[in-house]
């Protein structure tokens, strides 16, 4: 094993997502819980397509047309102050960062719903963000050329983004139990 400094995955401060024509591989084909290398071909095709179409990243849908995730990140939408994210049976990777976002949201008194999301729900969301190890917490301000959160960083996303940054850098004493020391 080799450890290298993590480079920032997305250069943009806020992201523009494009719905991919590539669909998320079903759990019965390659289970995303296993983080299997071959599964990343699906994500790479989606991300490459998005970039070629002028977007920063892809919005990947399930075979049934529900929201699954970004190319390498989980997705969360905010509607009426409630955070909503797809359940594991929507063929998502059960991300560590997604779990952290849930804990942060709860500590801020926010409700998190885990349920299927229609693509049209993303279009009318108050806020949208991606989360993942490389992406950390990355706000989405446009999906398929539709403006989200007036094209700005939303207040709930900002609170979660700020708290996450403080936690991972060891600046939140009450949340140090979330960190794993590396020696």
Foldseek 3Di string as FASTA:
>chain_A
DDDDDFDQPFPDQAWEEEAFPQAQDACVVPQLQVVDPVSLVSLVVQQVVRVVVPTRWYQHFHPVQWTAAISAWFKWFAAPQAIEGEDVNRRYHPAPLVVVLCVLCVVVVHHYHHHIHHPVCRLPTQWMWTDHDNNHTHTYQHYNNRGHNVSDDDPVSVSSSVVSVCQAVVNPVVNVVSDDDDD
